[in-house]
Amino acid sequence: MQNEGQVQPPCGCIRLDSPLSQRKEGLVRIPSGCAISGIIDRSGRRMSGETIIKFISVMHDRSNGLGGGFAAYGIYPEYKDYYALHLFYESVSAKKECEEFLEEHFDIINLSKIPTRKIKEITDEPLIWRYFVVPLPTRLADSQLDEREFTAKCVFRVNTRIEGAYVFSSGKNMGVFKAVGFPEDVGRFYKLEEYEGWCFTAHGRYPTNTPGWWGGAHPFALLDYSVVHNGEISSYDTNRRAIEMYGYKCTLQTDTEVITYIIDYLHRKQKLSFSEIASVIAASFWQTIEKQPPEERETHEFLRVMFSAQLITGPFSILVGFNGGLMALNDRLKLRSMVVGEKGDFTYISSEEAAIRIIEPNLDTVWAPKGGQPVIINMNRGEA
């Protein structure tokens, strides 16, 4: 569930009265909550996307059809060295303008429509295209940026300045697929069963204070970071103002967007580990920190003071996908449900244990993480 405040989109954002936006909120009410789920195979073996569709569909009643989506890692091995840009277009003219911008800044290796199938449950779809790109060497040299920062800045340039165009996925060897609809319908719409990856996350949305529209569905992503979220960020305005000081732009009217940028800022720019990031965004209370051993207390005190504006308050459970692993995290009071199960090399994470049991009934272990306690799964390598 989202509560982001009434932030008006800039002129570069897709308009709420466009075909991409369906203002159905208030017409449908299901007394439940958002659903999140994730699967990762630590060995790196790839699995069919059909599994994650089945996984999230068990929690159908936790969402209300106003948004569903998936993040998939390892799905583009033949293009693993290129950024995979997934875009929504409101019009042909927006597509033309955006492609001119991309050609000025990137070498486009391949472009095509993202394959979809017509189903009655998904309507008013935009133009949905995919581009495999690498920054042009001359543009990259002139920018004096590394290629990840260059690509991120280009993503924000499209999303804020090209009206009717929205980059909703921009990582390497991964992709986000989302729409207005129930998640299982979104999965079928995108033919997700035809993709294979080593990690998938999924989301079924139940918005409370914001519109159900294509850009506002989860996951939210920047470069290879993706976030699915169940909860409500009461600190959204503080978090948004703070992160926008570092060049990020929140334009999508959904609080989860700011979590993605906080993750990017702390991990890519500040070089924090994911366990340290968890100690920032779900920081322990001061009275808890005071009782910790001296070395641990010193670390947590530093993180709380140094990154106080990145503390997220309010109930939440999130799954953070990244290049090489997955992190699950509850708010420090554990006000949203989250269950973790393991079987061999597989780790399953979900809002409900019943959904995990449908995929793997014979788990080796199953538990509910404590509030603020991260679960970090890496691809048979050291901690990220």
Protein backbone atom coordinates (compact mmCIF):
# COMPACT_ATOMS: atom_id res chain seq x y z
CA MET A 1 0.00 0.00 0.00
CA GLN A 2 1.32 3.42 -0.85
CA ASN A 3 0.93 6.83 0.72
CA GLU A 4 3.19 9.28 -1.00
CA GLY A 5 1.57 12.66 -0.56
CA GLN A 6 0.07 14.54 -3.43
CA VAL A 7 3.13 15.20 -5.58
CA GLN A 8 2.28 16.75 -8.94
CA PRO A 9 4.23 15.26 -11.87
CA PRO A 10 6.48 17.54 -13.92
CA CYS A 11 5.79 18.10 -17.60
CA GLY A 12 8.14 15.26 -18.53
CA CYS A 13 6.05 12.67 -16.70
CA ILE A 14 3.30 10.67 -18.38
CA ARG A 15 0.04 12.45 -17.61
CA LEU A 16 -2.61 10.95 -15.39
CA ASP A 17 -5.21 11.59 -18.11
CA SER A 18 -3.16 9.63 -20.66
CA PRO A 19 -3.91 6.06 -21.75
CA LEU A 20 -1.14 4.91 -19.38
CA SER A 21 -3.14 6.05 -16.37
CA GLN A 22 -6.27 4.40 -15.03
CA ARG A 23 -7.74 6.29 -12.11
CA LYS A 24 -9.70 3.40 -10.66
CA GLU A 25 -8.68 3.93 -7.08
CA GLY A 26 -11.71 4.05 -4.83
CA LEU A 27 -13.80 1.92 -7.18
CA VAL A 28 -12.35 -1.34 -5.89
CA ARG A 29 -11.63 -2.12 -2.27
CA ILE A 30 -10.24 -5.41 -1.02
CA PRO A 31 -9.39 -5.33 2.70
CA SER A 32 -5.99 -6.91 2.34
CA GLY A 33 -2.57 -5.55 1.38
CA CYS A 34 0.11 -5.65 -1.27
CA ALA A 35 1.76 -8.98 -2.04
CA ILE A 36 5.49 -9.45 -2.57
CA SER A 37 7.43 -12.57 -3.45
CA GLY A 38 10.88 -13.53 -4.62
CA ILE A 39 12.91 -16.57 -5.66
CA ILE A 40 16.66 -16.86 -6.05
CA ASP A 41 18.87 -19.81 -6.94
CA ARG A 42 22.26 -19.17 -5.38
CA SER A 43 23.96 -21.55 -7.79
CA GLY A 44 23.07 -19.31 -10.73
CA ARG A 45 20.96 -21.89 -12.52
CA ARG A 46 18.17 -20.25 -14.46
CA MET A 47 14.50 -21.12 -13.97
CA SER A 48 11.37 -20.35 -15.96
CA GLY A 49 9.38 -17.22 -15.18
CA GLU A 50 6.32 -19.44 -14.93
CA THR A 51 7.34 -20.25 -11.34
CA ILE A 52 7.13 -16.68 -10.09
CA ILE A 53 3.73 -16.21 -11.78
CA LYS A 54 2.38 -19.23 -9.87
CA PHE A 55 4.07 -17.98 -6.70
CA ILE A 56 2.46 -14.52 -6.67
CA SER A 57 -0.94 -15.72 -7.91
CA VAL A 58 -1.55 -17.52 -4.61
CA MET A 59 -1.85 -14.08 -2.98
CA HIS A 60 -4.35 -12.74 -5.52
CA ASP A 61 -6.62 -11.29 -2.83
CA ARG A 62 -3.88 -9.11 -1.38
CA SER A 63 -4.04 -6.80 -4.42
CA ASN A 64 -6.90 -5.11 -6.28
CA GLY A 65 -5.88 -5.13 -9.92
CA LEU A 66 -4.36 -1.64 -9.98
CA GLY A 67 -0.81 -2.80 -10.55
CA GLY A 68 1.33 -5.89 -10.88
CA GLY A 69 4.87 -6.53 -11.99
CA PHE A 70 8.06 -8.56 -11.98
CA ALA A 71 11.82 -8.06 -11.95
CA ALA A 72 13.87 -10.81 -13.56
CA TYR A 73 17.65 -11.27 -13.36
CA GLY A 74 19.82 -13.26 -15.75
CA ILE A 75 17.28 -13.15 -18.59
CA TYR A 76 19.48 -11.53 -21.25
CA PRO A 77 22.73 -13.56 -21.27
CA GLU A 78 23.33 -12.85 -24.95
CA TYR A 79 23.28 -9.11 -24.19
CA LYS A 80 24.72 -9.24 -20.66
CA ASP A 81 27.27 -6.46 -21.34
CA TYR A 82 24.63 -3.96 -22.49
CA TYR A 83 22.08 -1.90 -20.60
CA ALA A 84 18.58 -3.17 -21.30
CA LEU A 85 16.27 -0.16 -21.42
CA HIS A 86 12.55 -0.93 -21.16
CA LEU A 87 10.31 1.98 -22.11
CA PHE A 88 6.66 2.94 -22.09
CA TYR A 89 5.57 5.42 -24.77
CA GLU A 90 2.35 7.36 -24.74
CA SER A 91 2.58 8.21 -28.44
CA VAL A 92 4.56 7.66 -31.61
CA SER A 93 5.90 11.20 -31.36
CA ALA A 94 7.24 10.49 -27.86
CA LYS A 95 8.94 7.37 -29.20
CA LYS A 96 10.54 9.34 -32.02
CA GLU A 97 11.85 12.04 -29.70
CA CYS A 98 13.18 9.51 -27.20
CA GLU A 99 14.93 7.41 -29.85
CA GLU A 100 16.64 10.53 -31.18
CA PHE A 101 17.93 11.20 -27.66
CA LEU A 102 19.09 7.60 -27.23
CA GLU A 103 20.93 7.66 -30.56
CA GLU A 104 22.76 10.83 -29.49
CA HIS A 105 24.00 9.24 -26.27
CA PHE A 106 24.21 5.47 -26.84
CA ASP A 107 25.23 2.87 -29.35
CA ILE A 108 21.96 0.94 -29.84
CA ILE A 109 22.88 -2.71 -30.39
CA ASN A 110 19.33 -4.00 -30.73
CA LEU A 111 15.81 -2.60 -30.41
CA SER A 112 12.39 -4.19 -30.63
CA LYS A 113 8.91 -4.21 -29.16
CA ILE A 114 8.76 -6.17 -25.92
CA PRO A 115 6.74 -9.30 -26.77
CA THR A 116 3.25 -9.33 -25.27
CA ARG A 117 0.04 -11.27 -25.79
CA LYS A 118 -3.43 -9.80 -25.97
CA ILE A 119 -5.52 -10.72 -22.94
CA LYS A 120 -8.81 -9.16 -21.88
CA GLU A 121 -7.58 -8.40 -18.36
CA ILE A 122 -4.88 -5.95 -19.54
CA THR A 123 -6.20 -2.89 -21.37
CA ASP A 124 -5.02 0.52 -22.58
CA GLU A 125 -1.47 -0.69 -22.98
CA PRO A 126 1.12 1.87 -24.13
CA LEU A 127 3.82 1.30 -26.72
CA ILE A 128 6.32 -0.95 -24.94
CA TRP A 129 9.84 -1.13 -26.38
CA ARG A 130 13.24 -2.54 -25.42
CA TYR A 131 16.71 -1.25 -26.32
CA PHE A 132 20.10 -2.86 -25.65
CA VAL A 133 22.59 -0.02 -25.45
CA VAL A 134 26.07 1.04 -24.40
CA PRO A 135 27.15 4.67 -23.88
CA LEU A 136 28.89 6.26 -26.85
CA PRO A 137 32.60 6.58 -25.98
CA THR A 138 32.77 10.23 -27.04
CA ARG A 139 29.69 11.17 -25.01
CA LEU A 140 30.96 9.23 -22.02
CA ALA A 141 34.38 10.91 -22.20
CA ASP A 142 32.83 14.37 -22.50
CA SER A 143 30.59 13.73 -19.50
CA GLN A 144 33.54 12.77 -17.25
CA LEU A 145 31.25 10.22 -15.61
CA ASP A 146 31.51 6.46 -15.27
CA GLU A 147 29.10 4.56 -17.50
CA ARG A 148 26.63 3.71 -14.74
CA GLU A 149 26.26 7.32 -13.63
CA PHE A 150 26.04 8.41 -17.26
CA THR A 151 23.26 5.89 -17.93
CA ALA A 152 21.37 6.84 -14.76
CA LYS A 153 21.46 10.52 -15.70
CA CYS A 154 20.13 9.69 -19.17
CA VAL A 155 17.27 7.74 -17.59
CA PHE A 156 16.27 10.77 -15.51
CA ARG A 157 16.65 13.01 -18.56
CA VAL A 158 14.12 10.91 -20.49
CA ASN A 159 11.70 10.59 -17.58
CA THR A 160 11.64 14.30 -16.75
CA ARG A 161 12.07 16.03 -20.10
CA ILE A 162 10.52 13.87 -22.81
CA GLU A 163 6.77 14.05 -22.38
CA GLY A 164 5.04 10.70 -22.79
CA ALA A 165 8.21 8.57 -22.43
CA TYR A 166 9.25 6.62 -19.36
CA VAL A 167 12.27 4.34 -18.84
CA PHE A 168 11.08 1.78 -16.31
CA SER A 169 14.05 -0.61 -16.44
CA SER A 170 17.71 0.14 -17.14
CA GLY A 171 19.99 -2.61 -15.80
CA LYS A 172 22.30 -5.15 -17.40
CA ASN A 173 21.08 -8.72 -17.88
CA MET A 174 17.82 -7.96 -16.07
CA GLY A 175 14.45 -6.46 -16.80
CA VAL A 176 11.27 -5.15 -15.20
CA PHE A 177 7.83 -6.04 -16.57
CA LYS A 178 4.82 -4.22 -15.11
CA ALA A 179 1.32 -2.99 -15.92
CA VAL A 180 -2.10 -2.14 -14.49
CA GLY A 181 -3.67 -5.47 -13.59
CA PHE A 182 -3.34 -8.41 -11.24
CA PRO A 183 0.21 -9.79 -11.24
CA GLU A 184 -0.64 -13.17 -12.72
CA ASP A 185 -2.35 -11.42 -15.64
CA VAL A 186 0.65 -9.12 -16.06
CA GLY A 187 2.92 -12.16 -16.20
CA ARG A 188 0.83 -13.76 -18.92
CA PHE A 189 0.62 -10.45 -20.80
CA TYR A 190 4.42 -10.23 -20.97
CA LYS A 191 4.87 -13.98 -21.74
CA LEU A 192 7.07 -14.22 -18.67
CA GLU A 193 7.04 -18.02 -18.90
CA GLU A 194 9.29 -17.69 -21.96
CA TYR A 195 12.07 -16.01 -19.93
CA GLU A 196 14.64 -17.79 -17.78
CA GLY A 197 16.53 -16.16 -14.92
CA TRP A 198 18.31 -16.96 -11.67
CA CYS A 199 16.24 -14.52 -9.61
CA PHE A 200 12.68 -13.19 -9.86
CA THR A 201 10.68 -10.82 -7.68
CA ALA A 202 6.99 -10.02 -7.99
CA HIS A 203 4.42 -7.56 -6.68
CA GLY A 204 0.65 -7.33 -6.48
CA ARG A 205 -0.40 -3.75 -5.77
CA TYR A 206 -3.12 -2.39 -3.51
CA PRO A 207 -2.77 1.41 -3.66
CA THR A 208 -4.58 3.49 -1.09
CA ASN A 209 -3.80 7.13 -1.87
CA THR A 210 -2.34 7.17 -5.38
CA PRO A 211 -3.58 6.26 -8.85
CA GLY A 212 -3.24 2.86 -10.41
CA TRP A 213 -1.26 3.52 -13.59
CA TRP A 214 1.39 1.74 -15.63
CA GLY A 215 4.34 3.79 -14.39
CA GLY A 216 3.23 3.50 -10.78
CA ALA A 217 3.19 -0.30 -10.69
CA HIS A 218 6.05 -2.13 -8.97
CA PRO A 219 8.89 -3.00 -9.27
CA PHE A 220 10.71 0.31 -9.41
CA ALA A 221 14.20 0.09 -10.82
CA LEU A 222 17.31 2.10 -11.56
CA LEU A 223 20.23 0.37 -13.24
CA ASP A 224 20.30 -3.16 -11.79
CA TYR A 225 18.57 -2.22 -8.50
CA SER A 226 14.88 -3.11 -8.23
CA VAL A 227 12.43 -2.79 -5.34
CA VAL A 228 9.03 -4.29 -4.56
CA HIS A 229 7.33 -2.98 -1.45
CA ASN A 230 4.38 -3.63 0.80
CA GLY A 231 3.73 -0.80 3.20
CA GLU A 232 3.46 2.92 3.65
CA ILE A 233 6.32 5.40 4.00
CA SER A 234 5.41 8.11 6.47
CA SER A 235 8.84 9.73 5.95
CA TYR A 236 8.36 10.02 2.18
CA ASP A 237 8.58 13.81 1.92
CA THR A 238 11.74 13.91 4.02
CA ASN A 239 13.30 11.05 2.06
CA ARG A 240 12.32 12.59 -1.27
CA ARG A 241 13.69 16.05 -0.50
CA ALA A 242 16.94 14.56 0.76
CA ILE A 243 17.56 12.23 -2.18
CA GLU A 244 16.70 14.88 -4.77
CA MET A 245 19.65 16.93 -3.48
CA TYR A 246 21.86 14.27 -5.10
CA GLY A 247 20.34 14.53 -8.57
CA TYR A 248 17.50 12.00 -8.31
CA LYS A 249 14.00 12.96 -9.47
CA CYS A 250 10.84 11.43 -7.98
CA THR A 251 8.14 11.82 -10.62
CA LEU A 252 5.98 8.69 -10.36
CA GLN A 253 3.69 9.51 -7.39
CA THR A 254 4.53 6.29 -5.58
CA ASP A 255 6.59 6.18 -2.41
CA THR A 256 8.45 3.03 -3.42
CA GLU A 257 10.31 5.00 -6.06
CA VAL A 258 12.29 6.84 -3.39
CA ILE A 259 13.40 3.56 -1.79
CA THR A 260 15.01 2.54 -5.08
CA TYR A 261 16.98 5.78 -5.28
CA ILE A 262 18.06 5.51 -1.65
CA ILE A 263 19.37 2.00 -2.34
CA ASP A 264 21.25 3.23 -5.41
CA TYR A 265 22.70 6.20 -3.52
CA LEU A 266 23.86 4.18 -0.52
CA HIS A 267 25.22 1.18 -2.43
CA ARG A 268 26.56 2.56 -5.72
CA LYS A 269 27.60 6.04 -4.60
CA GLN A 270 28.36 5.66 -0.89
CA LYS A 271 29.71 2.08 -1.22
CA LEU A 272 27.80 0.75 1.79
CA SER A 273 27.23 -2.99 2.04
CA PHE A 274 23.64 -4.21 2.01
CA SER A 275 23.81 -5.03 5.72
CA GLU A 276 24.91 -1.43 6.36
CA ILE A 277 22.12 -0.17 4.11
CA ALA A 278 19.63 -2.11 6.21
CA SER A 279 21.07 -0.40 9.30
CA VAL A 280 20.38 2.96 7.64
CA ILE A 281 16.87 2.54 6.24
CA ALA A 282 15.59 0.36 9.11
CA ALA A 283 17.87 1.75 11.82
CA SER A 284 17.58 0.47 15.37
CA PHE A 285 16.15 2.78 18.00
CA TRP A 286 18.71 4.81 19.95
CA GLN A 287 17.93 2.98 23.17
CA THR A 288 18.70 -0.30 21.40
CA ILE A 289 21.96 1.01 19.95
CA GLU A 290 23.09 2.20 23.40
CA LYS A 291 22.98 -1.41 24.68
CA GLN A 292 25.13 -2.83 21.87
CA PRO A 293 28.82 -3.83 22.22
CA PRO A 294 31.16 -0.82 21.75
CA GLU A 295 32.35 -1.56 18.19
CA GLU A 296 28.86 -2.40 16.95
CA ARG A 297 27.41 0.63 18.74
CA GLU A 298 29.98 2.94 17.15
CA THR A 299 29.13 1.68 13.63
CA HIS A 300 25.38 2.04 14.11
CA GLU A 301 25.72 5.48 15.69
CA PHE A 302 27.80 6.64 12.73
CA LEU A 303 25.29 5.31 10.18
CA ARG A 304 22.31 6.87 12.00
CA VAL A 305 23.97 10.28 12.18
CA MET A 306 25.62 10.28 8.75
CA PHE A 307 22.56 9.06 6.83
CA SER A 308 19.70 10.24 9.03
CA ALA A 309 17.68 11.52 6.04
CA GLN A 310 17.67 8.03 4.51
CA LEU A 311 15.91 6.45 7.50
CA ILE A 312 12.55 5.10 6.30
CA THR A 313 9.72 5.22 8.82
CA GLY A 314 6.34 3.56 8.62
CA PRO A 315 5.35 -0.06 8.05
CA PHE A 316 7.15 -1.80 5.20
CA SER A 317 8.50 -5.05 3.85
CA ILE A 318 10.71 -4.86 0.78
CA LEU A 319 12.64 -7.07 -1.60
CA VAL A 320 15.68 -5.47 -3.22
CA GLY A 321 17.11 -7.16 -6.30
CA PHE A 322 20.65 -6.36 -7.40
CA ASN A 323 23.30 -7.73 -9.72
CA GLY A 324 24.40 -10.78 -7.77
CA GLY A 325 21.76 -11.23 -5.13
CA LEU A 326 18.61 -10.31 -3.25
CA MET A 327 17.85 -8.58 0.04
CA ALA A 328 14.66 -8.85 2.10
CA LEU A 329 13.95 -6.36 4.87
CA ASN A 330 11.14 -5.44 7.26
CA ASP A 331 10.70 -2.15 9.07
CA ARG A 332 12.23 -2.17 12.54
CA LEU A 333 8.87 -2.88 14.22
CA LYS A 334 7.92 -5.60 11.70
CA LEU A 335 4.54 -4.09 10.85
CA ARG A 336 4.28 -6.00 7.58
CA SER A 337 4.45 -9.76 7.13
CA MET A 338 7.40 -11.52 5.53
CA VAL A 339 8.37 -15.20 5.52
CA VAL A 340 11.57 -16.83 4.25
CA GLY A 341 12.00 -20.47 3.23
CA GLU A 342 15.01 -22.42 1.97
CA LYS A 343 15.41 -25.61 0.01
CA GLY A 344 18.86 -26.53 -1.25
CA ASP A 345 20.23 -23.63 -3.31
CA PHE A 346 16.84 -21.94 -3.45
CA THR A 347 15.59 -19.19 -1.18
CA TYR A 348 11.93 -18.17 -1.27
CA ILE A 349 10.57 -14.96 0.24
CA SER A 350 6.92 -14.01 0.44
CA SER A 351 4.24 -12.09 2.28
CA GLU A 352 2.63 -15.44 3.13
CA GLU A 353 4.07 -18.88 3.87
CA ALA A 354 1.20 -20.49 1.95
CA ALA A 355 2.55 -19.05 -1.30
CA ILE A 356 6.00 -20.55 -0.65
CA ARG A 357 4.49 -23.95 0.15
CA ILE A 358 2.71 -24.00 -3.21
CA ILE A 359 6.11 -23.74 -4.95
CA GLU A 360 8.11 -25.89 -2.51
CA PRO A 361 6.08 -27.86 0.07
CA ASN A 362 9.13 -29.60 1.59
CA LEU A 363 11.29 -26.75 2.83
CA ASP A 364 14.55 -27.33 4.69
CA THR A 365 13.92 -24.26 6.87
CA VAL A 366 11.26 -21.58 7.19
CA TRP A 367 11.23 -18.50 9.41
CA ALA A 368 9.97 -14.95 9.79
CA PRO A 369 12.83 -12.40 9.97
CA LYS A 370 12.82 -9.98 12.88
CA GLY A 371 12.06 -6.32 12.33
CA GLY A 372 15.04 -4.52 10.82
CA GLN A 373 16.94 -7.81 10.32
CA PRO A 374 18.06 -8.11 6.68
CA VAL A 375 18.11 -11.37 4.81
CA ILE A 376 20.85 -11.06 2.18
CA ILE A 377 21.28 -13.81 -0.38
CA ASN A 378 24.29 -13.73 -2.69
CA MET A 379 25.18 -15.80 -5.71
CA ASN A 380 27.75 -18.04 -4.00
CA ARG A 381 30.09 -15.09 -3.46
CA GLY A 382 31.03 -12.83 -0.57
CA GLU A 383 28.68 -10.32 0.99
CA ALA A 384 27.78 -7.43 -1.35
